[in-house]
C-alpha atoms as a PDB file:
ATOM      1  CA  MET A   1     -62.736 114.552  -5.027  1.00  0.00           C
ATOM      2  CA  ASP A   2     -66.125 114.495  -3.182  1.00  0.00           C
ATOM      3  CA  ASN A   3     -69.144 114.385  -5.340  1.00  0.00           C
ATOM      4  CA  GLY A   4     -72.704 114.236  -5.652  1.00  0.00           C
ATOM      5  CA  TYR A   5     -74.144 110.680  -5.907  1.00  0.00           C
ATOM      6  CA  SER A   6     -74.647 111.220  -9.719  1.00  0.00           C
ATOM      7  CA  LEU A   7     -71.002 111.284 -10.896  1.00  0.00           C
ATOM      8  CA  ASP A   8     -70.470 108.160  -9.259  1.00  0.00           C
ATOM      9  CA  LEU A   9     -73.124 106.722 -11.745  1.00  0.00           C
ATOM     10  CA  LEU A  10     -71.908 108.682 -15.100  1.00  0.00           C
ATOM     11  CA  PRO A  11     -68.028 108.045 -15.326  1.00  0.00           C
ATOM     12  CA  VAL A  12     -67.916 110.210 -18.452  1.00  0.00           C
ATOM     13  CA  HIS A  13     -69.282 113.193 -16.633  1.00  0.00           C
ATOM     14  CA  ARG A  14     -66.986 112.787 -13.983  1.00  0.00           C
ATOM     15  CA  ALA A  15     -64.122 112.708 -16.125  1.00  0.00           C
ATOM     16  CA  LEU A  16     -64.866 116.022 -17.635  1.00  0.00           C
ATOM     17  CA  VAL A  17     -65.376 117.351 -14.039  1.00  0.00           C
ATOM     18  CA  GLU A  18     -61.902 116.021 -12.743  1.00  0.00           C
ATOM     19  CA  ARG A  19     -60.137 117.336 -15.667  1.00  0.00           C
ATOM     20  CA  ALA A  20     -61.863 120.847 -15.387  1.00  0.00           C
ATOM     21  CA  VAL A  21     -60.878 120.647 -11.449  1.00  0.00           C
ATOM     22  CA  ASN A  22     -57.248 119.634 -12.101  1.00  0.00           C
ATOM     23  CA  TYR A  23     -57.087 122.600 -14.642  1.00  0.00           C
ATOM     24  CA  PHE A  24     -58.335 125.002 -12.154  1.00  0.00           C
ATOM     25  CA  ARG A  25     -57.132 123.675  -8.992  1.00  0.00           C
ATOM     26  CA  ASP A  26     -53.282 125.370  -9.174  1.00  0.00           C
ATOM     27  CA  ASP A  27     -54.810 128.748 -10.260  1.00  0.00           C
ATOM     28  CA  ASP A  28     -54.052 131.370  -7.723  1.00  0.00           C
ATOM     29  CA  ARG A  29     -56.361 133.472  -9.416  1.00  0.00           C
ATOM     30  CA  VAL A  30     -59.505 131.174  -9.545  1.00  0.00           C
ATOM     31  CA  LEU A  31     -60.801 131.293  -5.513  1.00  0.00           C
ATOM     32  CA  GLY A  32     -63.316 128.356  -6.486  1.00  0.00           C
ATOM     33  CA  MET A  33     -65.347 125.853  -8.276  1.00  0.00           C
ATOM     34  CA  ILE A  34     -68.938 125.246  -7.501  1.00  0.00           C
ATOM     35  CA  LEU A  35     -70.373 121.746  -9.315  1.00  0.00           C
ATOM     36  CA  GLY A  36     -74.017 122.855  -9.748  1.00  0.00           C
ATOM     37  CA  GLY A  37     -77.459 121.387 -11.300  1.00  0.00           C
ATOM     38  CA  SER A  38     -78.360 117.748 -11.515  1.00  0.00           C
ATOM     39  CA  LEU A  39     -74.869 116.461 -11.106  1.00  0.00           C
ATOM     40  CA  ALA A  40     -74.705 117.990  -7.811  1.00  0.00           C
ATOM     41  CA  HIS A  41     -77.970 117.204  -6.481  1.00  0.00           C
ATOM     42  CA  GLY A  42     -79.692 114.642  -8.940  1.00  0.00           C
ATOM     43  CA  PRO A  43     -81.100 113.190 -10.712  1.00  0.00           C
ATOM     44  CA  ALA A  44     -78.605 113.461 -13.381  1.00  0.00           C
ATOM     45  CA  ASP A  45     -78.572 111.117 -16.491  1.00  0.00           C
ATOM     46  CA  PHE A  46     -76.545 110.415 -19.720  1.00  0.00           C
ATOM     47  CA  TYR A  47     -78.189 113.438 -21.280  1.00  0.00           C
ATOM     48  CA  SER A  48     -77.028 116.138 -18.275  1.00  0.00           C
ATOM     49  CA  ASP A  49     -75.144 118.632 -18.893  1.00  0.00           C
ATOM     50  CA  VAL A  50     -72.018 119.668 -16.526  1.00  0.00           C
ATOM     51  CA  ASP A  51     -72.568 123.234 -14.741  1.00  0.00           C
ATOM     52  CA  LEU A  52     -69.346 124.710 -13.031  1.00  0.00           C
ATOM     53  CA  TYR A  53     -69.213 127.794 -11.731  1.00  0.00           C
ATOM     54  CA  ILE A  54     -65.838 129.486 -11.640  1.00  0.00           C
ATOM     55  CA  VAL A  55     -65.364 131.987  -9.299  1.00  0.00           C
ATOM     56  CA  ALA A  56     -62.323 133.900  -9.770  1.00  0.00           C
ATOM     57  CA  ARG A  57     -60.624 137.184  -7.840  1.00  0.00           C
ATOM     58  CA  ASP A  58     -62.281 140.495  -9.214  1.00  0.00           C
ATOM     59  CA  GLU A  59     -59.125 141.648 -10.105  1.00  0.00           C
ATOM     60  CA  SER A  60     -58.159 138.520 -12.027  1.00  0.00           C
ATOM     61  CA  PHE A  61     -61.454 138.024 -13.655  1.00  0.00           C
ATOM     62  CA  GLU A  62     -61.213 139.448 -16.876  1.00  0.00           C
ATOM     63  CA  ALA A  63     -57.996 137.548 -17.567  1.00  0.00           C
ATOM     64  CA  VAL A  64     -59.316 134.380 -16.466  1.00  0.00           C
ATOM     65  CA  PHE A  65     -62.409 134.920 -18.582  1.00  0.00           C
ATOM     66  CA  ASP A  66     -60.287 135.736 -21.700  1.00  0.00           C
ATOM     67  CA  GLU A  67     -58.415 132.256 -21.019  1.00  0.00           C
ATOM     68  CA  ARG A  68     -61.880 130.459 -21.144  1.00  0.00           C
ATOM     69  CA  ASP A  69     -60.965 129.046 -24.760  1.00  0.00           C
ATOM     70  CA  VAL A  70     -57.646 127.801 -23.572  1.00  0.00           C
ATOM     71  CA  ALA A  71     -59.293 126.135 -20.506  1.00  0.00           C
ATOM     72  CA  ALA A  72     -61.988 124.536 -22.860  1.00  0.00           C
ATOM     73  CA  ARG A  73     -59.118 122.843 -24.629  1.00  0.00           C
ATOM     74  CA  ALA A  74     -57.265 121.921 -21.754  1.00  0.00           C
ATOM     75  CA  ILE A  75     -60.239 120.104 -20.438  1.00  0.00           C
ATOM     76  CA  GLY A  76     -60.693 118.183 -23.574  1.00  0.00           C
ATOM     77  CA  SER A  77     -60.957 118.559 -27.676  1.00  0.00           C
ATOM     78  CA  PRO A  78     -64.181 120.961 -27.787  1.00  0.00           C
ATOM     79  CA  LEU A  79     -66.479 119.896 -30.843  1.00  0.00           C
ATOM     80  CA  PHE A  80     -67.918 123.637 -30.734  1.00  0.00           C
ATOM     81  CA  ARG A  81     -67.707 126.411 -27.959  1.00  0.00           C
ATOM     82  CA  PHE A  82     -69.273 130.122 -27.431  1.00  0.00           C
ATOM     83  CA  ALA A  83     -69.554 132.646 -25.062  1.00  0.00           C
ATOM     84  CA  VAL A  84     -73.214 133.731 -24.040  1.00  0.00           C
ATOM     85  CA  ASP A  85     -74.158 137.669 -23.956  1.00  0.00           C
ATOM     86  CA  PRO A  86     -73.583 138.253 -20.274  1.00  0.00           C
ATOM     87  CA  ILE A  87     -76.978 139.050 -18.059  1.00  0.00           C
ATOM     88  CA  PRO A  88     -76.771 141.843 -15.530  1.00  0.00           C
ATOM     89  CA  GLY A  89     -76.019 140.425 -12.320  1.00  0.00           C
ATOM     90  CA  GLY A  90     -75.303 137.309 -13.710  1.00  0.00           C
ATOM     91  CA  SER A  91     -72.568 135.033 -14.691  1.00  0.00           C
ATOM     92  CA  ARG A  92     -70.272 135.240 -17.702  1.00  0.00           C
ATOM     93  CA  ASP A  93     -71.063 131.941 -19.350  1.00  0.00           C
ATOM     94  CA  TYR A  94     -68.852 129.862 -22.045  1.00  0.00           C
ATOM     95  CA  ILE A  95     -70.681 126.736 -23.501  1.00  0.00           C
ATOM     96  CA  VAL A  96     -68.542 123.927 -24.579  1.00  0.00           C
ATOM     97  CA  THR A  97     -69.598 120.631 -26.256  1.00  0.00           C
ATOM     98  CA  TYR A  98     -66.943 117.735 -25.993  1.00  0.00           C
ATOM     99  CA  PRO A  99     -67.361 114.309 -28.035  1.00  0.00           C
ATOM    100  CA  GLY A 100     -69.798 111.920 -26.348  1.00  0.00           C
ATOM    101  CA  PRO A 101     -71.536 114.466 -26.833  1.00  0.00           C
ATOM    102  CA  LYS A 102     -71.302 116.214 -23.483  1.00  0.00           C
ATOM    103  CA  LYS A 103     -72.057 119.883 -22.812  1.00  0.00           C
ATOM    104  CA  LEU A 104     -69.963 121.900 -20.081  1.00  0.00           C
ATOM    105  CA  ASP A 105     -71.407 125.226 -18.768  1.00  0.00           C
ATOM    106  CA  LEU A 106     -68.476 127.174 -17.330  1.00  0.00           C
ATOM    107  CA  MET A 107     -70.024 129.905 -15.827  1.00  0.00           C
ATOM    108  CA  TYR A 108     -67.512 132.517 -14.399  1.00  0.00           C
ATOM    109  CA  TYR A 109     -68.205 134.872 -11.427  1.00  0.00           C
ATOM    110  CA  ARG A 110     -66.457 137.731  -9.609  1.00  0.00           C
ATOM    111  CA  GLU A 111     -65.649 136.841  -5.945  1.00  0.00           C
ATOM    112  CA  SER A 112     -67.736 139.929  -5.003  1.00  0.00           C
ATOM    113  CA  GLU A 113     -70.770 138.547  -7.251  1.00  0.00           C
ATOM    114  CA  ILE A 114     -70.877 135.458  -4.939  1.00  0.00           C
ATOM    115  CA  ARG A 115     -73.670 136.227  -2.120  1.00  0.00           C
ATOM    116  CA  SER A 116     -76.331 133.788  -0.303  1.00  0.00           C
ATOM    117  CA  ASP A 117     -79.170 132.926  -3.054  1.00  0.00           C
ATOM    118  CA  PRO A 118     -81.500 129.870  -3.248  1.00  0.00           C
ATOM    119  CA  LYS A 119     -79.592 128.974  -6.366  1.00  0.00           C
ATOM    120  CA  TRP A 120     -76.499 128.015  -4.600  1.00  0.00           C
ATOM    121  CA  GLU A 121     -78.435 125.495  -2.225  1.00  0.00           C
ATOM    122  CA  LYS A 122     -77.543 121.827  -2.769  1.00  0.00           C
ATOM    123  CA  GLN A 123     -74.437 122.715  -5.007  1.00  0.00           C
ATOM    124  CA  LEU A 124     -71.295 121.248  -4.698  1.00  0.00           C
ATOM    125  CA  VAL A 125     -67.982 123.185  -3.693  1.00  0.00           C
ATOM    126  CA  LEU A 126     -65.092 121.302  -5.467  1.00  0.00           C
ATOM    127  CA  LYS A 127     -62.548 124.168  -4.625  1.00  0.00           C
ATOM    128  CA  ASP A 128     -62.645 126.953  -2.028  1.00  0.00           C
ATOM    129  CA  ALA A 129     -59.237 128.440  -1.629  1.00  0.00           C
ATOM    130  CA  ALA A 130     -60.502 131.004   1.083  1.00  0.00           C
ATOM    131  CA  GLY A 131     -63.330 129.128   2.556  1.00  0.00           C
ATOM    132  CA  SER A 132     -66.037 131.662   1.271  1.00  0.00           C
ATOM    133  CA  LEU A 133     -67.717 129.418  -0.752  1.00  0.00           C
ATOM    134  CA  ALA A 134     -68.615 126.290   1.421  1.00  0.00           C
ATOM    135  CA  ALA A 135     -69.859 129.738   4.026  1.00  0.00           C
ATOM    136  CA  VAL A 136     -72.181 130.565   0.931  1.00  0.00           C
ATOM    137  CA  VAL A 137     -73.846 127.315   0.021  1.00  0.00           C
ATOM    138  CA  SER A 138     -74.453 126.890   3.512  1.00  0.00           C
ATOM    139  CA  ARG A 139     -75.936 129.696   3.974  1.00  0.00           C
ATOM    140  CA  SER A 140     -78.090 129.490   0.883  1.00  0.00           C
ATOM    141  CA  THR A 141     -79.583 126.314   2.403  1.00  0.00           C
ATOM    142  CA  ARG A 142     -81.620 128.705   4.359  1.00  0.00           C
ATOM    143  CA  ALA A 143     -82.129 131.529   1.774  1.00  0.00           C
ATOM    144  CA  HIS A 144     -85.552 129.871   0.704  1.00  0.00           C
ATOM    145  CA  LEU A 145     -87.922 132.307  -1.135  1.00  0.00           C
ATOM    146  CA  ASP A 146     -91.136 132.612   1.070  1.00  0.00           C
ATOM    147  CA  ARG A 147     -94.127 130.584  -0.373  1.00  0.00           C
ATOM    148  CA  PRO A 148     -96.592 132.979  -2.453  1.00  0.00           C
ATOM    149  CA  GLU A 149    -100.049 133.448  -0.880  1.00  0.00           C
ATOM    150  CA  PRO A 150    -103.299 131.636  -2.652  1.00  0.00           C
ATOM    151  CA  GLY A 151    -104.146 135.245  -3.667  1.00  0.00           C
ATOM    152  CA  GLU A 152    -100.817 135.446  -5.387  1.00  0.00           C
ATOM    153  CA  LEU A 153    -100.948 132.339  -7.141  1.00  0.00           C
ATOM    154  CA  LEU A 154    -104.680 132.976  -8.393  1.00  0.00           C
ATOM    155  CA  GLU A 155    -103.400 136.467  -9.627  1.00  0.00           C
ATOM    156  CA  LEU A 156    -100.174 134.999 -11.363  1.00  0.00           C
ATOM    157  CA  ASP A 157    -102.608 132.152 -12.668  1.00  0.00           C
ATOM    158  CA  GLN A 158    -104.895 134.302 -14.175  1.00  0.00           C
ATOM    159  CA  LYS A 159    -102.154 136.550 -15.932  1.00  0.00           C
ATOM    160  CA  PHE A 160    -100.495 133.721 -17.365  1.00  0.00           C
ATOM    161  CA  TRP A 161    -103.789 132.901 -19.025  1.00  0.00           C
ATOM    162  CA  THR A 162    -104.588 136.267 -20.104  1.00  0.00           C
ATOM    163  CA  TRP A 163    -101.048 136.461 -21.666  1.00  0.00           C
ATOM    164  CA  CYS A 164    -101.425 133.183 -23.191  1.00  0.00           C
ATOM    165  CA  TRP A 165    -104.742 134.409 -25.068  1.00  0.00           C
ATOM    166  CA  TYR A 166    -103.020 137.570 -25.943  1.00  0.00           C
ATOM    167  CA  VAL A 167    -100.234 135.703 -27.531  1.00  0.00           C
ATOM    168  CA  PHE A 168    -102.783 133.303 -29.395  1.00  0.00           C
ATOM    169  CA  GLY A 169    -104.747 136.206 -30.500  1.00  0.00           C
ATOM    170  CA  LYS A 170    -101.806 138.020 -31.932  1.00  0.00           C
ATOM    171  CA  ILE A 171    -100.474 134.874 -33.671  1.00  0.00           C
ATOM    172  CA  MET A 172    -104.088 134.274 -35.335  1.00  0.00           C
END
């Protein structure tokens, strides 16, 4: 498995990722997997979690997500796990903690939801059955947001401190 430099330095994290890849590798409903966060682009440390994006075919998404607990147990012996309430336009997440403790965030996406976006920049594609995920990650390196103008930053700064003062006043 090609991996980011962080996995070479963190064998427990690497083993967790390898077990996840082995579980999803031969599942034809799963088009791909992307490793994100500090393990993909650093710097990661002993306390880093594993961010793993699971991309399922649209027609298979519900079945793959419904089997999330089976996947969690196949990857290891979970201490605890829970599904996160979905956010519109985001992934459906399943958070699993394993002995160590190591936290694995399984973030499920439909194939149709994967588009170029700065969040995919520097992420590591672990499985790409159709070749589409590597293309999305590649295009995302150029999908930077424009830098805000100084006036926009000043306005945001003023709003921030106004909100802080408002919250402080309400607490008092």
